[in-house]
C-alpha atoms as a PDB file:
ATOM      1  CA  MET A   1      -2.816  17.197  23.214  1.00  0.00           C
ATOM      2  CA  VAL A   2      -2.748  13.429  23.635  1.00  0.00           C
ATOM      3  CA  LEU A   3      -6.332  12.946  22.460  1.00  0.00           C
ATOM      4  CA  ASP A   4      -5.746  15.196  19.434  1.00  0.00           C
ATOM      5  CA  LEU A   5      -2.630  13.238  18.489  1.00  0.00           C
ATOM      6  CA  ILE A   6      -4.535   9.957  18.749  1.00  0.00           C
ATOM      7  CA  VAL A   7      -7.307  11.234  16.468  1.00  0.00           C
ATOM      8  CA  ILE A   8      -4.867  12.679  13.924  1.00  0.00           C
ATOM      9  CA  GLY A   9      -2.589   9.619  13.983  1.00  0.00           C
ATOM     10  CA  THR A  10      -5.579   7.321  13.445  1.00  0.00           C
ATOM     11  CA  ALA A  11      -6.792   9.402  10.492  1.00  0.00           C
ATOM     12  CA  ILE A  12      -3.325   9.287   8.932  1.00  0.00           C
ATOM     13  CA  THR A  13      -2.891   5.534   9.294  1.00  0.00           C
ATOM     14  CA  LEU A  14      -6.350   4.816   7.812  1.00  0.00           C
ATOM     15  CA  GLY A  15      -5.773   6.893   4.667  1.00  0.00           C
ATOM     16  CA  PRO A  16      -6.636   4.806   1.583  1.00  0.00           C
ATOM     17  CA  LEU A  17      -4.143   6.365  -0.855  1.00  0.00           C
ATOM     18  CA  HIS A  18      -0.882   5.418   0.814  1.00  0.00           C
ATOM     19  CA  ASN A  19      -2.223   2.039   1.958  1.00  0.00           C
ATOM     20  CA  THR A  20      -3.210   1.154  -1.615  1.00  0.00           C
ATOM     21  CA  ALA A  21       0.217   2.182  -2.913  1.00  0.00           C
ATOM     22  CA  PHE A  22       1.928   0.206  -0.155  1.00  0.00           C
ATOM     23  CA  ILE A  23       0.032  -2.979  -1.016  1.00  0.00           C
ATOM     24  CA  LEU A  24       1.039  -2.559  -4.660  1.00  0.00           C
ATOM     25  CA  LEU A  25       4.667  -2.247  -3.606  1.00  0.00           C
ATOM     26  CA  LEU A  26       4.437  -5.365  -1.439  1.00  0.00           C
ATOM     27  CA  SER A  27       2.959  -7.296  -4.392  1.00  0.00           C
ATOM     28  CA  SER A  28       5.797  -6.336  -6.742  1.00  0.00           C
ATOM     29  CA  ARG A  29       9.239  -7.890  -7.201  1.00  0.00           C
ATOM     30  CA  ARG A  30      11.352  -7.454  -4.072  1.00  0.00           C
ATOM     31  CA  GLY A  31       8.158  -6.220  -2.505  1.00  0.00           C
ATOM     32  CA  THR A  32       9.163  -6.565   1.135  1.00  0.00           C
ATOM     33  CA  ARG A  33      12.334  -4.529   0.569  1.00  0.00           C
ATOM     34  CA  LYS A  34      10.417  -1.817  -1.288  1.00  0.00           C
ATOM     35  CA  GLY A  35       7.770  -1.858   1.415  1.00  0.00           C
ATOM     36  CA  LEU A  36      10.416  -1.451   4.104  1.00  0.00           C
ATOM     37  CA  ALA A  37      11.946   1.505   2.235  1.00  0.00           C
ATOM     38  CA  PHE A  38       8.480   3.104   1.977  1.00  0.00           C
ATOM     39  CA  LEU A  39       7.719   2.433   5.645  1.00  0.00           C
ATOM     40  CA  LEU A  40      11.016   3.841   6.937  1.00  0.00           C
ATOM     41  CA  SER A  41      10.709   6.927   4.736  1.00  0.00           C
ATOM     42  CA  TRP A  42       7.126   7.467   5.926  1.00  0.00           C
ATOM     43  CA  LEU A  43       8.170   7.205   9.578  1.00  0.00           C
ATOM     44  CA  ALA A  44      11.237   9.398   9.029  1.00  0.00           C
ATOM     45  CA  ASP A  45       9.056  12.140   7.535  1.00  0.00           C
ATOM     46  CA  LEU A  46       6.790  12.127  10.588  1.00  0.00           C
ATOM     47  CA  VAL A  47       9.716  12.142  13.009  1.00  0.00           C
ATOM     48  CA  ALA A  48      11.461  14.940  11.085  1.00  0.00           C
ATOM     49  CA  VAL A  49       8.380  17.162  11.251  1.00  0.00           C
ATOM     50  CA  ILE A  50       8.010  16.591  15.003  1.00  0.00           C
ATOM     51  CA  ALA A  51      11.743  17.191  15.494  1.00  0.00           C
ATOM     52  CA  CYS A  52      11.467  20.542  13.703  1.00  0.00           C
ATOM     53  CA  VAL A  53       8.602  21.541  15.983  1.00  0.00           C
ATOM     54  CA  VAL A  54      10.562  20.560  19.079  1.00  0.00           C
ATOM     55  CA  LEU A  55      13.583  22.552  17.889  1.00  0.00           C
ATOM     56  CA  LEU A  56      11.416  25.624  17.326  1.00  0.00           C
ATOM     57  CA  THR A  57       9.703  25.432  20.721  1.00  0.00           C
ATOM     58  CA  GLY A  58      12.688  24.194  22.696  1.00  0.00           C
ATOM     59  CA  GLY A  59      10.467  21.481  24.100  1.00  0.00           C
ATOM     60  CA  GLN A  60       8.377  24.024  26.026  1.00  0.00           C
ATOM     61  CA  PRO A  61       4.774  24.862  25.038  1.00  0.00           C
ATOM     62  CA  PRO A  62       3.916  28.545  24.518  1.00  0.00           C
ATOM     63  CA  ALA A  63       2.033  30.291  27.284  1.00  0.00           C
ATOM     64  CA  ARG A  64      -1.741  29.960  27.061  1.00  0.00           C
ATOM     65  CA  HIS A  65      -3.431  32.890  25.259  1.00  0.00           C
ATOM     66  CA  SER A  66      -0.062  34.246  24.140  1.00  0.00           C
ATOM     67  CA  ALA A  67       0.449  35.343  20.535  1.00  0.00           C
ATOM     68  CA  PRO A  68       2.336  32.126  19.554  1.00  0.00           C
ATOM     69  CA  SER A  69      -0.314  29.941  21.211  1.00  0.00           C
ATOM     70  CA  THR A  70      -3.148  31.780  19.453  1.00  0.00           C
ATOM     71  CA  ALA A  71      -1.320  31.542  16.116  1.00  0.00           C
ATOM     72  CA  VAL A  72      -0.952  27.772  16.484  1.00  0.00           C
ATOM     73  CA  ILE A  73      -4.639  27.380  17.281  1.00  0.00           C
ATOM     74  CA  ALA A  74      -5.472  29.526  14.250  1.00  0.00           C
ATOM     75  CA  VAL A  75      -3.369  27.223  12.084  1.00  0.00           C
ATOM     76  CA  LYS A  76      -5.258  24.171  13.369  1.00  0.00           C
ATOM     77  CA  LEU A  77      -8.544  25.958  12.774  1.00  0.00           C
ATOM     78  CA  ALA A  78      -7.509  26.784   9.206  1.00  0.00           C
ATOM     79  CA  ILE A  79      -6.517  23.156   8.572  1.00  0.00           C
ATOM     80  CA  GLY A  80      -9.812  21.938  10.027  1.00  0.00           C
ATOM     81  CA  LEU A  81     -11.866  24.283   7.861  1.00  0.00           C
ATOM     82  CA  ALA A  82      -9.808  23.351   4.789  1.00  0.00           C
ATOM     83  CA  LEU A  83     -10.440  19.648   5.427  1.00  0.00           C
ATOM     84  CA  LEU A  84     -14.169  20.297   5.809  1.00  0.00           C
ATOM     85  CA  LEU A  85     -14.299  22.248   2.557  1.00  0.00           C
ATOM     86  CA  TYR A  86     -12.268  19.578   0.793  1.00  0.00           C
ATOM     87  CA  GLY A  87     -14.578  16.861   2.087  1.00  0.00           C
ATOM     88  CA  PHE A  88     -17.684  18.749   0.932  1.00  0.00           C
ATOM     89  CA  HIS A  89     -16.077  19.345  -2.472  1.00  0.00           C
ATOM     90  CA  ARG A  90     -15.183  15.682  -2.945  1.00  0.00           C
ATOM     91  CA  ARG A  91     -18.647  14.641  -1.811  1.00  0.00           C
ATOM     92  CA  ARG A  92     -20.466  16.913  -4.270  1.00  0.00           C
ATOM     93  CA  ARG A  93     -18.363  16.318  -7.368  1.00  0.00           C
ATOM     94  CA  PRO A  94     -19.515  13.682  -9.896  1.00  0.00           C
ATOM     95  CA  PRO A  95     -18.114  10.189  -9.269  1.00  0.00           C
ATOM     96  CA  ARG A  96     -15.117   9.275 -11.364  1.00  0.00           C
ATOM     97  CA  PRO A  97     -14.250   5.819 -12.675  1.00  0.00           C
ATOM     98  CA  HIS A  98     -11.744   4.075 -10.461  1.00  0.00           C
ATOM     99  CA  GLY A  99      -8.654   2.646 -12.068  1.00  0.00           C
ATOM    100  CA  PRO A 100      -5.087   1.999 -11.043  1.00  0.00           C
ATOM    101  CA  PRO A 101      -2.754   5.015 -11.315  1.00  0.00           C
ATOM    102  CA  ARG A 102      -0.504   5.040 -14.367  1.00  0.00           C
ATOM    103  CA  TRP A 103       2.615   4.607 -12.285  1.00  0.00           C
ATOM    104  CA  THR A 104       1.446   1.147 -11.154  1.00  0.00           C
ATOM    105  CA  ALA A 105       2.452  -0.266 -14.543  1.00  0.00           C
ATOM    106  CA  ARG A 106       6.085   0.471 -13.624  1.00  0.00           C
ATOM    107  CA  ILE A 107       5.912  -0.663 -10.014  1.00  0.00           C
ATOM    108  CA  ASP A 108       7.967  -3.819 -10.604  1.00  0.00           C
ATOM    109  CA  ASP A 109      10.868  -1.709 -11.873  1.00  0.00           C
ATOM    110  CA  ALA A 110      10.735   0.792  -9.001  1.00  0.00           C
ATOM    111  CA  SER A 111      13.958   1.175  -7.035  1.00  0.00           C
ATOM    112  CA  LEU A 112      14.239   1.385  -3.273  1.00  0.00           C
ATOM    113  CA  SER A 113      14.849   5.130  -3.514  1.00  0.00           C
ATOM    114  CA  THR A 114      11.737   5.528  -5.677  1.00  0.00           C
ATOM    115  CA  SER A 115       9.727   3.592  -3.093  1.00  0.00           C
ATOM    116  CA  ALA A 116      11.047   5.859  -0.348  1.00  0.00           C
ATOM    117  CA  GLY A 117      10.219   8.956  -2.401  1.00  0.00           C
ATOM    118  CA  LEU A 118       6.706   7.677  -3.005  1.00  0.00           C
ATOM    119  CA  ALA A 119       6.128   7.674   0.758  1.00  0.00           C
ATOM    120  CA  TRP A 120       7.066  11.346   0.895  1.00  0.00           C
ATOM    121  CA  LEU A 121       4.726  12.185  -1.987  1.00  0.00           C
ATOM    122  CA  LEU A 122       1.793  10.297  -0.476  1.00  0.00           C
ATOM    123  CA  GLN A 123       2.062  11.779   3.002  1.00  0.00           C
ATOM    124  CA  PRO A 124      -1.237  13.518   3.861  1.00  0.00           C
ATOM    125  CA  TRP A 125       0.575  16.770   4.565  1.00  0.00           C
ATOM    126  CA  ALA A 126      -2.493  18.618   5.848  1.00  0.00           C
ATOM    127  CA  LEU A 127      -2.924  15.964   8.531  1.00  0.00           C
ATOM    128  CA  VAL A 128       0.800  15.920   9.262  1.00  0.00           C
ATOM    129  CA  GLY A 129       0.628  19.703   9.618  1.00  0.00           C
ATOM    130  CA  ALA A 130      -2.224  19.327  12.108  1.00  0.00           C
ATOM    131  CA  GLY A 131      -0.103  16.874  14.068  1.00  0.00           C
ATOM    132  CA  ALA A 132       2.826  19.299  14.031  1.00  0.00           C
ATOM    133  CA  ALA A 133       0.619  22.150  15.271  1.00  0.00           C
ATOM    134  CA  THR A 134      -0.647  19.918  18.070  1.00  0.00           C
ATOM    135  CA  ALA A 135       2.901  18.903  19.020  1.00  0.00           C
ATOM    136  CA  VAL A 136       3.684  22.547  19.768  1.00  0.00           C
ATOM    137  CA  ASP A 137       1.940  21.970  23.119  1.00  0.00           C
ATOM    138  CA  ALA A 138       4.374  19.182  24.067  1.00  0.00           C
ATOM    139  CA  ASN A 139       6.406  19.692  27.221  1.00  0.00           C
ATOM    140  CA  LEU A 140       9.452  17.502  26.774  1.00  0.00           C
ATOM    141  CA  SER A 141      10.452  17.807  30.411  1.00  0.00           C
ATOM    142  CA  THR A 142       7.772  15.184  31.078  1.00  0.00           C
ATOM    143  CA  LEU A 143       7.968  11.537  30.071  1.00  0.00           C
ATOM    144  CA  ALA A 144       4.258  11.464  29.225  1.00  0.00           C
ATOM    145  CA  ASP A 145       4.673  13.956  26.381  1.00  0.00           C
ATOM    146  CA  TRP A 146       7.687  12.084  25.000  1.00  0.00           C
ATOM    147  CA  LEU A 147       5.553   8.948  24.957  1.00  0.00           C
ATOM    148  CA  ALA A 148       2.654  10.836  23.346  1.00  0.00           C
ATOM    149  CA  LEU A 149       4.803  12.078  20.462  1.00  0.00           C
ATOM    150  CA  THR A 150       6.407   8.666  19.974  1.00  0.00           C
ATOM    151  CA  GLY A 151       3.016   6.975  20.074  1.00  0.00           C
ATOM    152  CA  TYR A 152       1.648   9.437  17.510  1.00  0.00           C
ATOM    153  CA  CYS A 153       4.425   8.658  15.012  1.00  0.00           C
ATOM    154  CA  LEU A 154       3.992   4.921  15.514  1.00  0.00           C
ATOM    155  CA  LEU A 155       0.193   5.105  15.300  1.00  0.00           C
ATOM    156  CA  ALA A 156       0.399   7.055  12.027  1.00  0.00           C
ATOM    157  CA  THR A 157       2.629   4.248  10.674  1.00  0.00           C
ATOM    158  CA  LEU A 158       0.720   1.326  12.188  1.00  0.00           C
ATOM    159  CA  SER A 159      -1.093   0.123   9.051  1.00  0.00           C
ATOM    160  CA  LEU A 160       2.207  -0.077   7.160  1.00  0.00           C
ATOM    161  CA  VAL A 161       3.934  -1.955   9.981  1.00  0.00           C
ATOM    162  CA  VAL A 162       1.102  -4.483  10.185  1.00  0.00           C
ATOM    163  CA  MET A 163       1.076  -5.138   6.415  1.00  0.00           C
ATOM    164  CA  GLU A 164       4.873  -5.359   6.173  1.00  0.00           C
ATOM    165  CA  THR A 165       5.050  -7.791   9.096  1.00  0.00           C
ATOM    166  CA  TYR A 166       2.197  -9.892   7.697  1.00  0.00           C
ATOM    167  CA  THR A 167       3.894 -10.133   4.307  1.00  0.00           C
ATOM    168  CA  VAL A 168       7.223 -11.181   5.828  1.00  0.00           C
ATOM    169  CA  ARG A 169       5.672 -13.842   8.053  1.00  0.00           C
ATOM    170  CA  ALA A 170       3.134 -15.311   5.587  1.00  0.00           C
ATOM    171  CA  PRO A 171       3.872 -14.032   2.076  1.00  0.00           C
ATOM    172  CA  GLY A 172       1.500 -16.323   0.185  1.00  0.00           C
ATOM    173  CA  VAL A 173      -1.568 -15.717   2.316  1.00  0.00           C
ATOM    174  CA  ALA A 174      -0.733 -12.048   2.821  1.00  0.00           C
ATOM    175  CA  ASN A 175      -0.463 -11.369  -0.909  1.00  0.00           C
ATOM    176  CA  ALA A 176      -3.970 -12.682  -1.605  1.00  0.00           C
ATOM    177  CA  ARG A 177      -5.603 -10.987   1.365  1.00  0.00           C
ATOM    178  CA  LEU A 178      -3.856  -7.657   0.924  1.00  0.00           C
ATOM    179  CA  ASN A 179      -4.785  -7.520  -2.751  1.00  0.00           C
ATOM    180  CA  ALA A 180      -8.397  -8.186  -1.779  1.00  0.00           C
ATOM    181  CA  LEU A 181      -8.088  -5.306   0.691  1.00  0.00           C
ATOM    182  CA  ARG A 182      -6.595  -3.110  -2.032  1.00  0.00           C
ATOM    183  CA  ASN A 183      -9.593  -3.789  -4.294  1.00  0.00           C
ATOM    184  CA  GLN A 184     -11.949  -2.744  -1.494  1.00  0.00           C
ATOM    185  CA  LEU A 185      -9.922   0.405  -0.817  1.00  0.00           C
ATOM    186  CA  GLU A 186     -10.008   1.350  -4.488  1.00  0.00           C
ATOM    187  CA  GLN A 187     -13.771   0.829  -4.675  1.00  0.00           C
ATOM    188  CA  ARG A 188     -14.411   2.870  -1.529  1.00  0.00           C
ATOM    189  CA  GLN A 189     -11.581   5.355  -1.864  1.00  0.00           C
ATOM    190  CA  GLU A 190     -13.814   8.357  -2.474  1.00  0.00           C
ATOM    191  CA  GLN A 191     -16.055   7.543   0.469  1.00  0.00           C
ATOM    192  CA  LEU A 192     -13.081   6.990   2.779  1.00  0.00           C
ATOM    193  CA  VAL A 193     -11.371  10.229   1.756  1.00  0.00           C
ATOM    194  CA  VAL A 194     -14.565  12.224   2.267  1.00  0.00           C
ATOM    195  CA  THR A 195     -15.297  10.611   5.632  1.00  0.00           C
ATOM    196  CA  LEU A 196     -11.785  11.051   7.023  1.00  0.00           C
ATOM    197  CA  SER A 197     -11.556  14.643   5.780  1.00  0.00           C
ATOM    198  CA  MET A 198     -14.898  15.680   7.236  1.00  0.00           C
ATOM    199  CA  VAL A 199     -14.535  13.869  10.557  1.00  0.00           C
ATOM    200  CA  LEU A 200     -11.033  15.185  11.223  1.00  0.00           C
ATOM    201  CA  GLY A 201     -11.941  18.618   9.857  1.00  0.00           C
ATOM    202  CA  LEU A 202     -14.916  18.827  12.217  1.00  0.00           C
ATOM    203  CA  TRP A 203     -12.796  17.650  15.141  1.00  0.00           C
ATOM    204  CA  LEU A 204     -10.030  20.195  14.530  1.00  0.00           C
ATOM    205  CA  THR A 205     -12.474  23.032  13.895  1.00  0.00           C
ATOM    206  CA  ALA A 206     -14.495  22.364  17.045  1.00  0.00           C
ATOM    207  CA  ARG A 207     -11.440  21.878  19.246  1.00  0.00           C
ATOM    208  CA  SER A 208      -9.772  25.035  17.918  1.00  0.00           C
ATOM    209  CA  ILE A 209     -12.865  27.164  18.478  1.00  0.00           C
ATOM    210  CA  VAL A 210     -13.157  25.887  22.053  1.00  0.00           C
ATOM    211  CA  GLU A 211      -9.474  26.658  22.700  1.00  0.00           C
ATOM    212  CA  LEU A 212      -9.860  30.172  21.282  1.00  0.00           C
ATOM    213  CA  VAL A 213     -12.861  31.112  23.384  1.00  0.00           C
ATOM    214  CA  THR A 214     -11.844  29.523  26.705  1.00  0.00           C
END
């Protein structure tokens, strides 16, 4: 479980879409406050999903090879295959011109609640679902699993925490460097999305098949 959570959390935090949007928020008026609203909403979404899983399982993993355990593995397998198909589809489709989303023109006027809502919209829900399915195996009677779930939520938020902290501590330098990073993310967005989708999809598919047959 721990290794799966590390892989999924890393894939979430490296996603180009939410990182690009976050940099735009930080560059706008009251950017650090909007960024903080986005960050807290993002983290709250992850924690809420894990909390729902824990409530459903009672903090005890289902017995191995039981119907609930097999169903969870099937869900992870379905997510893995869907990510692989999505990655292949994005790789084969004709390249599209990259430009800023239309909503970026109104970013300066965005409220804190809008910034928080944007985090919810930009969550990679397929990846979050994979994390939730993995968390079903958590045994909350052990400290190690508590730490694993906490670490997963923090890892999936790490890029936002780093950029928010950098902007607060050195706003002038951070603004220039983060905007340069945003330009690179926009130019390589398609490649990053395809790579993350296919790598994580392959990981989840392979791991699920192994769990089903052993």
